[in-house]
C-alpha cells in the first residue's frame, strides 16, 4: 500500500495563486484536504483531491490545473509517474462528465499514472 505526505491547505492556496486563482470556498477546500489526508492509499487520496478541487471549485480559477499539479507532485513522491497528456484528458473528463465516484476517479488515475518499477 502506498503511503503519502499530508496535504497542507495553505500550500494548496499558494499553488493556486500561481494559476491566477483566488480562494472562494474555504470550507470546500478544508473538506477536500481533510478527506485526502484521511486516506492511507495515495490513489484514494489523490482521487479525493481530484473530486474536491475539480468538482467543488474552491477557487475562482485554476481548479483543474491546481488539482493536476498536486496529483503529479504527490504521485512523484511515491515514485508514480503520470503520462501528462493522459492526465490532462483524465482531469478534463472528470470535470466535463461531473464524475463524483471516488472509485471511478481512482480507476481513471490508475490508467494514466503508474508506479516506477
PDB file of N, CA and C in Angstrom:
ATOM      1  N   UNK A   1       0.849  -1.190   0.000  1.00  0.00           N
ATOM      2  CA  UNK A   1       0.000   0.000   0.000  1.00  0.00           C
ATOM      3  C   UNK A   1       0.888   1.245   0.000  1.00  0.00           C
ATOM      4  N   UNK A   2       0.596   2.185  -0.832  1.00  0.00           N
ATOM      5  CA  UNK A   2       1.370   3.424  -0.932  1.00  0.00           C
ATOM      6  C   UNK A   2       0.984   4.377   0.191  1.00  0.00           C
ATOM      7  N   UNK A   3       1.988   4.933   0.862  1.00  0.00           N
ATOM      8  CA  UNK A   3       1.726   5.954   1.868  1.00  0.00           C
ATOM      9  C   UNK A   3       1.994   7.310   1.222  1.00  0.00           C
ATOM     10  N   UNK A   4       1.416   8.339   1.801  1.00  0.00           N
ATOM     11  CA  UNK A   4       1.550   9.648   1.170  1.00  0.00           C
ATOM     12  C   UNK A   4       1.799  10.734   2.194  1.00  0.00           C
ATOM     13  N   UNK A   5       2.364  11.846   1.688  1.00  0.00           N
ATOM     14  CA  UNK A   5       2.583  13.007   2.545  1.00  0.00           C
ATOM     15  C   UNK A   5       1.268  13.757   2.712  1.00  0.00           C
ATOM     16  N   UNK A   6       1.150  14.399   3.848  1.00  0.00           N
ATOM     17  CA  UNK A   6      -0.063  15.167   4.143  1.00  0.00           C
ATOM     18  C   UNK A   6      -0.148  16.418   3.263  1.00  0.00           C
ATOM     19  N   UNK A   7      -1.372  16.743   2.881  1.00  0.00           N
ATOM     20  CA  UNK A   7      -1.631  17.974   2.127  1.00  0.00           C
ATOM     21  C   UNK A   7      -1.818  19.107   3.128  1.00  0.00           C
ATOM     22  N   UNK A   8      -1.236  20.249   2.830  1.00  0.00           N
ATOM     23  CA  UNK A   8      -1.366  21.418   3.698  1.00  0.00           C
ATOM     24  C   UNK A   8      -2.167  22.478   2.948  1.00  0.00           C
ATOM     25  N   UNK A   9      -3.263  22.902   3.559  1.00  0.00           N
ATOM     26  CA  UNK A   9      -4.197  23.824   2.904  1.00  0.00           C
ATOM     27  C   UNK A   9      -3.511  25.093   2.402  1.00  0.00           C
ATOM     28  N   UNK A  10      -2.668  25.700   3.207  1.00  0.00           N
ATOM     29  CA  UNK A  10      -2.022  26.955   2.799  1.00  0.00           C
ATOM     30  C   UNK A  10      -1.137  26.754   1.565  1.00  0.00           C
ATOM     31  N   UNK A  11      -0.527  25.582   1.434  1.00  0.00           N
ATOM     32  CA  UNK A  11       0.300  25.298   0.261  1.00  0.00           C
ATOM     33  C   UNK A  11      -0.559  25.148  -0.995  1.00  0.00           C
ATOM     34  N   UNK A  12      -1.742  24.565  -0.843  1.00  0.00           N
ATOM     35  CA  UNK A  12      -2.667  24.436  -1.976  1.00  0.00           C
ATOM     36  C   UNK A  12      -3.113  25.823  -2.432  1.00  0.00           C
ATOM     37  N   UNK A  13      -3.411  26.693  -1.484  1.00  0.00           N
ATOM     38  CA  UNK A  13      -3.833  28.062  -1.810  1.00  0.00           C
ATOM     39  C   UNK A  13      -2.714  28.794  -2.549  1.00  0.00           C
ATOM     40  N   UNK A  14      -1.480  28.660  -2.069  1.00  0.00           N
ATOM     41  CA  UNK A  14      -0.340  29.317  -2.725  1.00  0.00           C
ATOM     42  C   UNK A  14      -0.121  28.763  -4.128  1.00  0.00           C
ATOM     43  N   UNK A  15      -0.269  27.460  -4.287  1.00  0.00           N
ATOM     44  CA  UNK A  15      -0.130  26.850  -5.612  1.00  0.00           C
ATOM     45  C   UNK A  15      -1.174  27.415  -6.563  1.00  0.00           C
ATOM     46  N   UNK A  16      -2.413  27.503  -6.109  1.00  0.00           N
ATOM     47  CA  UNK A  16      -3.485  28.005  -6.963  1.00  0.00           C
ATOM     48  C   UNK A  16      -3.236  29.454  -7.384  1.00  0.00           C
ATOM     49  N   UNK A  17      -2.626  30.247  -6.520  1.00  0.00           N
ATOM     50  CA  UNK A  17      -2.320  31.643  -6.871  1.00  0.00           C
ATOM     51  C   UNK A  17      -1.405  31.713  -8.087  1.00  0.00           C
ATOM     52  N   UNK A  18      -0.553  30.713  -8.273  1.00  0.00           N
ATOM     53  CA  UNK A  18       0.338  30.675  -9.439  1.00  0.00           C
ATOM     54  C   UNK A  18      -0.453  30.538 -10.738  1.00  0.00           C
ATOM     55  N   UNK A  19      -1.679  30.034 -10.636  1.00  0.00           N
ATOM     56  CA  UNK A  19      -2.542  29.864 -11.804  1.00  0.00           C
ATOM     57  C   UNK A  19      -3.585  30.971 -11.903  1.00  0.00           C
ATOM     58  N   UNK A  20      -3.389  32.026 -11.145  1.00  0.00           N
ATOM     59  CA  UNK A  20      -4.276  33.181 -11.220  1.00  0.00           C
ATOM     60  C   UNK A  20      -5.572  33.025 -10.454  1.00  0.00           C
ATOM     61  N   UNK A  21      -5.621  32.054  -9.585  1.00  0.00           N
ATOM     62  CA  UNK A  21      -6.849  31.799  -8.831  1.00  0.00           C
ATOM     63  C   UNK A  21      -6.896  32.550  -7.516  1.00  0.00           C
ATOM     64  N   UNK A  22      -8.022  32.426  -6.873  1.00  0.00           N
ATOM     65  CA  UNK A  22      -8.237  33.004  -5.550  1.00  0.00           C
ATOM     66  C   UNK A  22      -9.238  32.114  -4.832  1.00  0.00           C
ATOM     67  N   UNK A  23      -9.040  31.923  -3.548  1.00  0.00           N
ATOM     68  CA  UNK A  23      -9.922  31.075  -2.754  1.00  0.00           C
ATOM     69  C   UNK A  23     -11.299  31.715  -2.639  1.00  0.00           C
ATOM     70  N   UNK A  24     -12.341  30.964  -3.006  1.00  0.00           N
ATOM     71  CA  UNK A  24     -13.710  31.477  -2.891  1.00  0.00           C
ATOM     72  C   UNK A  24     -14.593  30.584  -2.019  1.00  0.00           C
ATOM     73  N   UNK A  25     -14.115  29.371  -1.701  1.00  0.00           N
ATOM     74  CA  UNK A  25     -14.907  28.464  -0.871  1.00  0.00           C
ATOM     75  C   UNK A  25     -13.958  27.707   0.054  1.00  0.00           C
ATOM     76  N   UNK A  26     -13.635  28.352   1.165  1.00  0.00           N
ATOM     77  CA  UNK A  26     -12.663  27.789   2.100  1.00  0.00           C
ATOM     78  C   UNK A  26     -13.139  26.469   2.695  1.00  0.00           C
ATOM     79  N   UNK A  27     -14.422  26.359   3.006  1.00  0.00           N
ATOM     80  CA  UNK A  27     -14.920  25.117   3.611  1.00  0.00           C
ATOM     81  C   UNK A  27     -14.804  23.940   2.643  1.00  0.00           C
ATOM     82  N   UNK A  28     -15.008  24.175   1.349  1.00  0.00           N
ATOM     83  CA  UNK A  28     -14.846  23.101   0.356  1.00  0.00           C
ATOM     84  C   UNK A  28     -13.392  22.642   0.310  1.00  0.00           C
ATOM     85  N   UNK A  29     -12.460  23.581   0.372  1.00  0.00           N
ATOM     86  CA  UNK A  29     -11.044  23.220   0.365  1.00  0.00           C
ATOM     87  C   UNK A  29     -10.666  22.491   1.652  1.00  0.00           C
ATOM     88  N   UNK A  30     -11.143  22.971   2.789  1.00  0.00           N
ATOM     89  CA  UNK A  30     -10.851  22.309   4.063  1.00  0.00           C
ATOM     90  C   UNK A  30     -11.352  20.867   4.057  1.00  0.00           C
ATOM     91  N   UNK A  31     -12.565  20.648   3.558  1.00  0.00           N
ATOM     92  CA  UNK A  31     -13.130  19.305   3.489  1.00  0.00           C
ATOM     93  C   UNK A  31     -12.290  18.420   2.563  1.00  0.00           C
ATOM     94  N   UNK A  32     -11.892  18.954   1.425  1.00  0.00           N
ATOM     95  CA  UNK A  32     -11.067  18.206   0.471  1.00  0.00           C
ATOM     96  C   UNK A  32      -9.748  17.787   1.102  1.00  0.00           C
ATOM     97  N   UNK A  33      -9.073  18.710   1.737  1.00  0.00           N
ATOM     98  CA  UNK A  33      -7.788  18.425   2.383  1.00  0.00           C
ATOM     99  C   UNK A  33      -7.972  17.378   3.476  1.00  0.00           C
ATOM    100  N   UNK A  34      -9.010  17.536   4.282  1.00  0.00           N
ATOM    101  CA  UNK A  34      -9.271  16.584   5.365  1.00  0.00           C
ATOM    102  C   UNK A  34      -9.527  15.180   4.819  1.00  0.00           C
ATOM    103  N   UNK A  35     -10.365  15.078   3.807  1.00  0.00           N
ATOM    104  CA  UNK A  35     -10.685  13.763   3.233  1.00  0.00           C
ATOM    105  C   UNK A  35      -9.454  13.135   2.576  1.00  0.00           C
ATOM    106  N   UNK A  36      -8.686  13.920   1.862  1.00  0.00           N
ATOM    107  CA  UNK A  36      -7.478  13.394   1.212  1.00  0.00           C
ATOM    108  C   UNK A  36      -6.464  12.914   2.249  1.00  0.00           C
ATOM    109  N   UNK A  37      -6.305  13.668   3.325  1.00  0.00           N
ATOM    110  CA  UNK A  37      -5.332  13.304   4.353  1.00  0.00           C
ATOM    111  C   UNK A  37      -5.755  12.081   5.163  1.00  0.00           C
ATOM    112  N   UNK A  38      -7.025  11.758   5.182  1.00  0.00           N
ATOM    113  CA  UNK A  38      -7.512  10.569   5.905  1.00  0.00           C
ATOM    114  C   UNK A  38      -7.178   9.262   5.189  1.00  0.00           C
ATOM    115  N   UNK A  39      -6.938   9.339   3.900  1.00  0.00           N
ATOM    116  CA  UNK A  39      -6.719   8.131   3.099  1.00  0.00           C
ATOM    117  C   UNK A  39      -5.273   7.663   3.237  1.00  0.00           C
ATOM    118  N   UNK A  40      -5.094   6.366   3.447  1.00  0.00           N
ATOM    119  CA  UNK A  40      -3.744   5.812   3.532  1.00  0.00           C
ATOM    120  C   UNK A  40      -3.172   5.523   2.152  1.00  0.00           C
ATOM    121  N   UNK A  41      -4.017   5.256   1.186  1.00  0.00           N
ATOM    122  CA  UNK A  41      -3.582   4.912  -0.165  1.00  0.00           C
ATOM    123  C   UNK A  41      -3.500   6.180  -1.013  1.00  0.00           C
ATOM    124  N   UNK A  42      -2.387   6.342  -1.714  1.00  0.00           N
ATOM    125  CA  UNK A  42      -2.163   7.562  -2.495  1.00  0.00           C
ATOM    126  C   UNK A  42      -3.190   7.734  -3.611  1.00  0.00           C
ATOM    127  N   UNK A  43      -3.626   6.645  -4.231  1.00  0.00           N
ATOM    128  CA  UNK A  43      -4.625   6.762  -5.295  1.00  0.00           C
ATOM    129  C   UNK A  43      -5.958   7.253  -4.730  1.00  0.00           C
ATOM    130  N   UNK A  44      -6.360   6.712  -3.591  1.00  0.00           N
ATOM    131  CA  UNK A  44      -7.601   7.184  -2.962  1.00  0.00           C
ATOM    132  C   UNK A  44      -7.462   8.638  -2.526  1.00  0.00           C
ATOM    133  N   UNK A  45      -6.322   8.959  -1.958  1.00  0.00           N
ATOM    134  CA  UNK A  45      -6.086  10.327  -1.504  1.00  0.00           C
ATOM    135  C   UNK A  45      -6.148  11.310  -2.671  1.00  0.00           C
ATOM    136  N   UNK A  46      -5.473  10.972  -3.759  1.00  0.00           N
ATOM    137  CA  UNK A  46      -5.493  11.862  -4.923  1.00  0.00           C
ATOM    138  C   UNK A  46      -6.858  11.898  -5.597  1.00  0.00           C
ATOM    139  N   UNK A  47      -7.626  10.830  -5.484  1.00  0.00           N
ATOM    140  CA  UNK A  47      -9.000  10.851  -6.009  1.00  0.00           C
ATOM    141  C   UNK A  47      -9.838  11.872  -5.243  1.00  0.00           C
ATOM    142  N   UNK A  48      -9.627  11.964  -3.941  1.00  0.00           N
ATOM    143  CA  UNK A  48     -10.351  12.967  -3.146  1.00  0.00           C
ATOM    144  C   UNK A  48      -9.896  14.381  -3.508  1.00  0.00           C
ATOM    145  N   UNK A  49      -8.605  14.545  -3.753  1.00  0.00           N
ATOM    146  CA  UNK A  49      -8.091  15.845  -4.211  1.00  0.00           C
ATOM    147  C   UNK A  49      -8.752  16.219  -5.536  1.00  0.00           C
ATOM    148  N   UNK A  50      -8.772  15.254  -6.447  1.00  0.00           N
ATOM    149  CA  UNK A  50      -9.338  15.480  -7.777  1.00  0.00           C
ATOM    150  C   UNK A  50     -10.793  15.903  -7.688  1.00  0.00           C
ATOM    151  N   UNK A  51     -11.579  15.105  -6.989  1.00  0.00           N
ATOM    152  CA  UNK A  51     -13.009  15.412  -6.882  1.00  0.00           C
ATOM    153  C   UNK A  51     -13.233  16.733  -6.151  1.00  0.00           C
ATOM    154  N   UNK A  52     -12.555  16.911  -5.045  1.00  0.00           N
ATOM    155  CA  UNK A  52     -12.777  18.092  -4.222  1.00  0.00           C
ATOM    156  C   UNK A  52     -12.401  19.400  -4.886  1.00  0.00           C
ATOM    157  N   UNK A  53     -11.328  19.401  -5.640  1.00  0.00           N
ATOM    158  CA  UNK A  53     -10.889  20.646  -6.271  1.00  0.00           C
ATOM    159  C   UNK A  53     -11.548  20.849  -7.631  1.00  0.00           C
ATOM    160  N   UNK A  54     -11.619  19.790  -8.427  1.00  0.00           N
ATOM    161  CA  UNK A  54     -12.172  19.944  -9.777  1.00  0.00           C
ATOM    162  C   UNK A  54     -13.684  20.139  -9.764  1.00  0.00           C
ATOM    163  N   UNK A  55     -14.390  19.393  -8.929  1.00  0.00           N
ATOM    164  CA  UNK A  55     -15.858  19.454  -8.960  1.00  0.00           C
ATOM    165  C   UNK A  55     -16.457  20.433  -7.959  1.00  0.00           C
ATOM    166  N   UNK A  56     -15.761  20.683  -6.853  1.00  0.00           N
ATOM    167  CA  UNK A  56     -16.319  21.587  -5.835  1.00  0.00           C
ATOM    168  C   UNK A  56     -15.846  23.028  -5.997  1.00  0.00           C
ATOM    169  N   UNK A  57     -14.907  23.271  -6.887  1.00  0.00           N
ATOM    170  CA  UNK A  57     -14.448  24.621  -7.247  1.00  0.00           C
ATOM    171  C   UNK A  57     -14.172  25.525  -6.041  1.00  0.00           C
ATOM    172  N   UNK A  58     -13.198  25.162  -5.195  1.00  0.00           N
ATOM    173  CA  UNK A  58     -12.890  26.057  -4.079  1.00  0.00           C
ATOM    174  C   UNK A  58     -12.206  27.352  -4.526  1.00  0.00           C
ATOM    175  N   UNK A  59     -11.719  27.370  -5.775  1.00  0.00           N
ATOM    176  CA  UNK A  59     -11.010  28.539  -6.287  1.00  0.00           C
ATOM    177  C   UNK A  59     -11.776  29.193  -7.430  1.00  0.00           C
ATOM    178  N   UNK A  60     -11.561  30.478  -7.595  1.00  0.00           N
ATOM    179  CA  UNK A  60     -12.200  31.234  -8.666  1.00  0.00           C
ATOM    180  C   UNK A  60     -11.748  30.734 -10.037  1.00  0.00           C
ATOM    181  N   UNK A  61     -10.473  30.402 -10.150  1.00  0.00           N
ATOM    182  CA  UNK A  61      -9.913  29.940 -11.424  1.00  0.00           C
ATOM    183  C   UNK A  61      -8.778  28.976 -11.114  1.00  0.00           C
ATOM    184  N   UNK A  62      -8.411  28.155 -12.090  1.00  0.00           N
ATOM    185  CA  UNK A  62      -7.255  27.279 -11.945  1.00  0.00           C
ATOM    186  C   UNK A  62      -7.499  26.002 -11.165  1.00  0.00           C
ATOM    187  N   UNK A  63      -8.755  25.614 -10.996  1.00  0.00           N
ATOM    188  CA  UNK A  63      -9.056  24.408 -10.224  1.00  0.00           C
ATOM    189  C   UNK A  63      -8.450  23.154 -10.855  1.00  0.00           C
ATOM    190  N   UNK A  64      -8.642  22.956 -12.151  1.00  0.00           N
ATOM    191  CA  UNK A  64      -8.115  21.757 -12.816  1.00  0.00           C
ATOM    192  C   UNK A  64      -6.587  21.758 -12.809  1.00  0.00           C
ATOM    193  N   UNK A  65      -5.975  22.897 -13.075  1.00  0.00           N
ATOM    194  CA  UNK A  65      -4.513  22.984 -13.077  1.00  0.00           C
ATOM    195  C   UNK A  65      -3.945  22.740 -11.681  1.00  0.00           C
ATOM    196  N   UNK A  66      -4.619  23.276 -10.673  1.00  0.00           N
ATOM    197  CA  UNK A  66      -4.176  23.064  -9.296  1.00  0.00           C
ATOM    198  C   UNK A  66      -4.250  21.588  -8.939  1.00  0.00           C
ATOM    199  N   UNK A  67      -5.376  20.956  -9.223  1.00  0.00           N
ATOM    200  CA  UNK A  67      -5.545  19.533  -8.909  1.00  0.00           C
ATOM    201  C   UNK A  67      -4.511  18.687  -9.645  1.00  0.00           C
ATOM    202  N   UNK A  68      -4.322  18.943 -10.927  1.00  0.00           N
ATOM    203  CA  UNK A  68      -3.369  18.154 -11.717  1.00  0.00           C
ATOM    204  C   UNK A  68      -1.947  18.296 -11.179  1.00  0.00           C
ATOM    205  N   UNK A  69      -1.572  19.497 -10.794  1.00  0.00           N
ATOM    206  CA  UNK A  69      -0.230  19.726 -10.260  1.00  0.00           C
ATOM    207  C   UNK A  69      -0.035  18.987  -8.946  1.00  0.00           C
ATOM    208  N   UNK A  70      -1.025  19.041  -8.074  1.00  0.00           N
ATOM    209  CA  UNK A  70      -0.946  18.322  -6.799  1.00  0.00           C
ATOM    210  C   UNK A  70      -0.822  16.824  -7.052  1.00  0.00           C
ATOM    211  N   UNK A  71      -1.632  16.307  -7.964  1.00  0.00           N
ATOM    212  CA  UNK A  71      -1.605  14.880  -8.283  1.00  0.00           C
ATOM    213  C   UNK A  71      -0.211  14.466  -8.762  1.00  0.00           C
ATOM    214  N   UNK A  72       0.337  15.187  -9.720  1.00  0.00           N
ATOM    215  CA  UNK A  72       1.655  14.850 -10.270  1.00  0.00           C
ATOM    216  C   UNK A  72       2.719  14.886  -9.175  1.00  0.00           C
ATOM    217  N   UNK A  73       2.722  15.918  -8.363  1.00  0.00           N
ATOM    218  CA  UNK A  73       3.732  16.055  -7.304  1.00  0.00           C
ATOM    219  C   UNK A  73       3.613  14.947  -6.264  1.00  0.00           C
ATOM    220  N   UNK A  74       2.381  14.662  -5.850  1.00  0.00           N
ATOM    221  CA  UNK A  74       2.188  13.645  -4.811  1.00  0.00           C
ATOM    222  C   UNK A  74       2.504  12.251  -5.331  1.00  0.00           C
ATOM    223  N   UNK A  75       2.131  11.967  -6.567  1.00  0.00           N
ATOM    224  CA  UNK A  75       2.487  10.675  -7.142  1.00  0.00           C
ATOM    225  C   UNK A  75       4.008  10.559  -7.286  1.00  0.00           C
ATOM    226  N   UNK A  76       4.669  11.628  -7.714  1.00  0.00           N
ATOM    227  CA  UNK A  76       6.128  11.597  -7.881  1.00  0.00           C
ATOM    228  C   UNK A  76       6.820  11.265  -6.558  1.00  0.00           C
ATOM    229  N   UNK A  77       6.289  11.776  -5.456  1.00  0.00           N
ATOM    230  CA  UNK A  77       6.845  11.465  -4.132  1.00  0.00           C
ATOM    231  C   UNK A  77       6.785   9.970  -3.834  1.00  0.00           C
ATOM    232  N   UNK A  78       5.856   9.271  -4.472  1.00  0.00           N
ATOM    233  CA  UNK A  78       5.668   7.829  -4.265  1.00  0.00           C
ATOM    234  C   UNK A  78       6.224   7.009  -5.434  1.00  0.00           C
ATOM    235  N   UNK A  79       7.038   7.653  -6.269  1.00  0.00           N
ATOM    236  CA  UNK A  79       7.632   7.017  -7.446  1.00  0.00           C
ATOM    237  C   UNK A  79       6.571   6.487  -8.412  1.00  0.00           C
ATOM    238  N   UNK A  80       5.530   7.278  -8.567  1.00  0.00           N
ATOM    239  CA  UNK A  80       4.470   7.006  -9.533  1.00  0.00           C
ATOM    240  C   UNK A  80       4.545   8.116 -10.576  1.00  0.00           C
ATOM    241  N   UNK A  81       4.632   7.724 -11.836  1.00  0.00           N
ATOM    242  CA  UNK A  81       4.787   8.683 -12.928  1.00  0.00           C
ATOM    243  C   UNK A  81       3.482   8.795 -13.704  1.00  0.00           C
ATOM    244  N   UNK A  82       3.119  10.030 -14.027  1.00  0.00           N
ATOM    245  CA  UNK A  82       1.898  10.283 -14.794  1.00  0.00           C
ATOM    246  C   UNK A  82       2.251  10.627 -16.230  1.00  0.00           C
ATOM    247  N   UNK A  83       1.509  10.061 -17.149  1.00  0.00           N
ATOM    248  CA  UNK A  83       1.574  10.474 -18.543  1.00  0.00           C
ATOM    249  C   UNK A  83       0.790  11.779 -18.599  1.00  0.00           C
ATOM    250  N   UNK A  84       1.477  12.888 -18.836  1.00  0.00           N
ATOM    251  CA  UNK A  84       0.837  14.205 -18.720  1.00  0.00           C
ATOM    252  C   UNK A  84      -0.329  14.385 -19.675  1.00  0.00           C
ATOM    253  N   UNK A  85      -0.190  13.895 -20.892  1.00  0.00           N
ATOM    254  CA  UNK A  85      -1.274  14.016 -21.868  1.00  0.00           C
ATOM    255  C   UNK A  85      -2.515  13.248 -21.400  1.00  0.00           C
ATOM    256  N   UNK A  86      -2.291  12.037 -20.896  1.00  0.00           N
ATOM    257  CA  UNK A  86      -3.415  11.237 -20.391  1.00  0.00           C
ATOM    258  C   UNK A  86      -4.028  11.878 -19.148  1.00  0.00           C
ATOM    259  N   UNK A  87      -3.170  12.447 -18.291  1.00  0.00           N
ATOM    260  CA  UNK A  87      -3.679  13.085 -17.079  1.00  0.00           C
ATOM    261  C   UNK A  87      -4.543  14.294 -17.420  1.00  0.00           C
ATOM    262  N   UNK A  88      -4.118  15.083 -18.383  1.00  0.00           N
ATOM    263  CA  UNK A  88      -4.920  16.238 -18.805  1.00  0.00           C
ATOM    264  C   UNK A  88      -6.288  15.768 -19.295  1.00  0.00           C
ATOM    265  N   UNK A  89      -6.292  14.731 -20.131  1.00  0.00           N
ATOM    266  CA  UNK A  89      -7.573  14.192 -20.621  1.00  0.00           C
ATOM    267  C   UNK A  89      -8.419  13.655 -19.470  1.00  0.00           C
ATOM    268  N   UNK A  90      -7.777  13.018 -18.514  1.00  0.00           N
ATOM    269  CA  UNK A  90      -8.472  12.474 -17.344  1.00  0.00           C
ATOM    270  C   UNK A  90      -9.145  13.590 -16.543  1.00  0.00           C
ATOM    271  N   UNK A  91      -8.394  14.633 -16.248  1.00  0.00           N
ATOM    272  CA  UNK A  91      -8.912  15.756 -15.459  1.00  0.00           C
ATOM    273  C   UNK A  91     -10.067  16.442 -16.190  1.00  0.00           C
ATOM    274  N   UNK A  92      -9.900  16.671 -17.472  1.00  0.00           N
ATOM    275  CA  UNK A  92     -10.957  17.308 -18.264  1.00  0.00           C
ATOM    276  C   UNK A  92     -12.196  16.421 -18.306  1.00  0.00           C
ATOM    277  N   UNK A  93     -12.003  15.122 -18.458  1.00  0.00           N
ATOM    278  CA  UNK A  93     -13.121  14.179 -18.496  1.00  0.00           C
ATOM    279  C   UNK A  93     -13.899  14.173 -17.179  1.00  0.00           C
ATOM    280  N   UNK A  94     -13.185  14.192 -16.073  1.00  0.00           N
ATOM    281  CA  UNK A  94     -13.835  14.215 -14.756  1.00  0.00           C
ATOM    282  C   UNK A  94     -14.670  15.478 -14.610  1.00  0.00           C
ATOM    283  N   UNK A  95     -14.116  16.610 -15.022  1.00  0.00           N
ATOM    284  CA  UNK A  95     -14.852  17.876 -14.939  1.00  0.00           C
ATOM    285  C   UNK A  95     -16.042  17.890 -15.887  1.00  0.00           C
ATOM    286  N   UNK A  96     -15.804  17.518 -17.133  1.00  0.00           N
ATOM    287  CA  UNK A  96     -16.846  17.572 -18.165  1.00  0.00           C
ATOM    288  C   UNK A  96     -18.013  16.636 -17.857  1.00  0.00           C
ATOM    289  N   UNK A  97     -17.682  15.428 -17.372  1.00  0.00           N
ATOM    290  CA  UNK A  97     -18.713  14.422 -17.103  1.00  0.00           C
ATOM    291  C   UNK A  97     -19.202  14.424 -15.661  1.00  0.00           C
ATOM    292  N   UNK A  98     -18.684  15.374 -14.862  1.00  0.00           N
ATOM    293  CA  UNK A  98     -19.127  15.541 -13.483  1.00  0.00           C
ATOM    294  C   UNK A  98     -19.045  14.219 -12.708  1.00  0.00           C
ATOM    295  N   UNK A  99     -17.889  13.570 -12.784  1.00  0.00           N
ATOM    296  CA  UNK A  99     -17.696  12.266 -12.149  1.00  0.00           C
ATOM    297  C   UNK A  99     -17.410  12.461 -10.666  1.00  0.00           C
ATOM    298  N   UNK A 100     -18.334  12.023  -9.835  1.00  0.00           N
ATOM    299  CA  UNK A 100     -18.196  12.163  -8.381  1.00  0.00           C
ATOM    300  C   UNK A 100     -17.723  10.889  -7.696  1.00  0.00           C
ATOM    301  N   UNK A 101     -17.819   9.752  -8.364  1.00  0.00           N
ATOM    302  CA  UNK A 101     -17.458   8.469  -7.766  1.00  0.00           C
ATOM    303  C   UNK A 101     -15.949   8.382  -7.536  1.00  0.00           C
ATOM    304  N   UNK A 102     -15.564   8.219  -6.277  1.00  0.00           N
ATOM    305  CA  UNK A 102     -14.148   8.079  -5.936  1.00  0.00           C
ATOM    306  C   UNK A 102     -13.565   6.853  -6.633  1.00  0.00           C
ATOM    307  N   UNK A 103     -14.314   5.764  -6.667  1.00  0.00           N
ATOM    308  CA  UNK A 103     -13.844   4.538  -7.321  1.00  0.00           C
ATOM    309  C   UNK A 103     -13.544   4.797  -8.804  1.00  0.00           C
ATOM    310  N   UNK A 104     -14.444   5.490  -9.494  1.00  0.00           N
ATOM    311  CA  UNK A 104     -14.228   5.783 -10.918  1.00  0.00           C
ATOM    312  C   UNK A 104     -13.029   6.712 -11.114  1.00  0.00           C
ATOM    313  N   UNK A 105     -12.857   7.656 -10.207  1.00  0.00           N
ATOM    314  CA  UNK A 105     -11.711   8.563 -10.311  1.00  0.00           C
ATOM    315  C   UNK A 105     -10.411   7.792 -10.089  1.00  0.00           C
ATOM    316  N   UNK A 106     -10.395   6.892  -9.105  1.00  0.00           N
ATOM    317  CA  UNK A 106      -9.209   6.056  -8.876  1.00  0.00           C
ATOM    318  C   UNK A 106      -8.881   5.257 -10.139  1.00  0.00           C
ATOM    319  N   UNK A 107      -9.894   4.661 -10.743  1.00  0.00           N
ATOM    320  CA  UNK A 107      -9.681   3.879 -11.967  1.00  0.00           C
ATOM    321  C   UNK A 107      -9.067   4.745 -13.069  1.00  0.00           C
ATOM    322  N   UNK A 108      -9.570   5.957 -13.212  1.00  0.00           N
ATOM    323  CA  UNK A 108      -9.030   6.866 -14.230  1.00  0.00           C
ATOM    324  C   UNK A 108      -7.576   7.242 -13.913  1.00  0.00           C
ATOM    325  N   UNK A 109      -7.288   7.520 -12.645  1.00  0.00           N
ATOM    326  CA  UNK A 109      -5.921   7.880 -12.260  1.00  0.00           C
ATOM    327  C   UNK A 109      -4.959   6.719 -12.491  1.00  0.00           C
ATOM    328  N   UNK A 110      -5.404   5.509 -12.218  1.00  0.00           N
ATOM    329  CA  UNK A 110      -4.548   4.324 -12.418  1.00  0.00           C
ATOM    330  C   UNK A 110      -4.204   4.115 -13.892  1.00  0.00           C
ATOM    331  N   UNK A 111      -5.078   4.564 -14.786  1.00  0.00           N
ATOM    332  CA  UNK A 111      -4.821   4.407 -16.225  1.00  0.00           C
ATOM    333  C   UNK A 111      -3.745   5.365 -16.733  1.00  0.00           C
ATOM    334  N   UNK A 112      -3.570   6.489 -16.054  1.00  0.00           N
ATOM    335  CA  UNK A 112      -2.601   7.468 -16.561  1.00  0.00           C
ATOM    336  C   UNK A 112      -1.386   7.652 -15.657  1.00  0.00           C
ATOM    337  N   UNK A 113      -1.391   7.049 -14.484  1.00  0.00           N
ATOM    338  CA  UNK A 113      -0.274   7.207 -13.549  1.00  0.00           C
ATOM    339  C   UNK A 113       0.147   5.835 -13.023  1.00  0.00           C
ATOM    340  N   UNK A 114       1.393   5.456 -13.277  1.00  0.00           N
ATOM    341  CA  UNK A 114       1.885   4.110 -12.958  1.00  0.00           C
ATOM    342  C   UNK A 114       3.128   4.164 -12.073  1.00  0.00           C
ATOM    343  N   UNK A 115       3.236   3.167 -11.204  1.00  0.00           N
ATOM    344  CA  UNK A 115       4.392   3.011 -10.326  1.00  0.00           C
ATOM    345  C   UNK A 115       5.635   2.726 -11.162  1.00  0.00           C
ATOM    346  N   UNK A 116       6.736   3.385 -10.814  1.00  0.00           N
ATOM    347  CA  UNK A 116       8.021   3.117 -11.453  1.00  0.00           C
ATOM    348  C   UNK A 116       8.524   1.788 -10.903  1.00  0.00           C
ATOM    349  N   UNK A 117       8.972   0.928 -11.795  1.00  0.00           N
ATOM    350  CA  UNK A 117       9.425  -0.405 -11.341  1.00  0.00           C
ATOM    351  C   UNK A 117      10.883  -0.424 -11.016  1.00  0.00           C
TER     352      UNK A 117
END
